[in-house]
Amino acid sequence: MLPSIQTHISGVQVSYQESGFGDQHILMVHGWMSSRHMWDDLMDVLAPHFHCWAIDLPGYGDSDKTAHDLHDIQAWSQLLLEFCRLHKIENACIVGHSMGGMISLQTVLHDPERFRKVVVINPVVTGKRARKDLQLLEKLPMRNLQLRVSEWAWPQMMRMRHLIPFYGSAPTATYQRRKEEWAKSSGATIVKSLWTIAQHDLEDMLHQIQQPTLVILGKYDGVVPNRDGQLVAKHVPHAQLFTLDCGHLPTDELPNQTHTLLYTFLAE
């Protein structure tokens, strides 16, 4: 496991890890209730060939948990661009999983000149339309009450071992990582992240992404509908789609296949 490095972006403490060298940069963006450590094994594979960066989004991992105004797709995207400017990350590839896929796509739309390739793994694309449960949560009244209840309930849920993780199948080491990632999240982070996903829909903007794009889906993903990733493959002009026999976390469930797909695409 790589050490955590701390930096400040717009006054917010952000944790990240870095491995590899050179000017072929790869920026990795985790998803909901996850952290930069979901990319540890992939970084080991790619670091001999690329300069790899993985960040904990504010609210997750070891990054600031108090910057609640940054629990937003647009804000996370702008923070990633600030991070890139700070570290002179240009002509980069961006890799995002789930919610991190949505953030990655939004980031490329904001600054297309900075990125040369895109990889999204089980990405969220149409939170505003595809997930009725998220829409219901986002429209519920008394948001402050939702936050208070979530802050009380989350520590209680952490004591129920059978809930962690609630998707995918993987070895014990992965289970332990997921348990730590969940424990480092807060009820407010969880709820606000779902709110912002529910407010976003990138489908009508996907055609603007001109970079070669790799879409990896888990055939049995029970968290994000395959339809979202299929929309990326349909509307991004230079996209290719691969569907694997796994669930929401191909990097954990089928690491060798996932890593080979990524390396082959990124090295082209």
Foldseek 3Di string as FASTA:
>chain_A
DFDWDWDADPRWIKTKGKAADDQAEEEEEEDALAAQVLCVVLCVVCRPPHIYMYIGQAQFDPIPNPPLVCLALVSSLVRVVSVCVVVVRAQYEYEYAACRLCSQLVNCVVPVRRYQEYEYELYQAALQPDDPVLLVLLPDPDVVVQQVVLQVCLVVVLVVLVVQPVDWDFDPVVSVNSSVRSVSGGSSSNSSNSNNSNVHHCLVPLLVNAHQYEYEYEPAAPPHDVVRSVSNQVRHPRYDYDYDPTYRSCCGRVVVVVSVVVVVVSVD
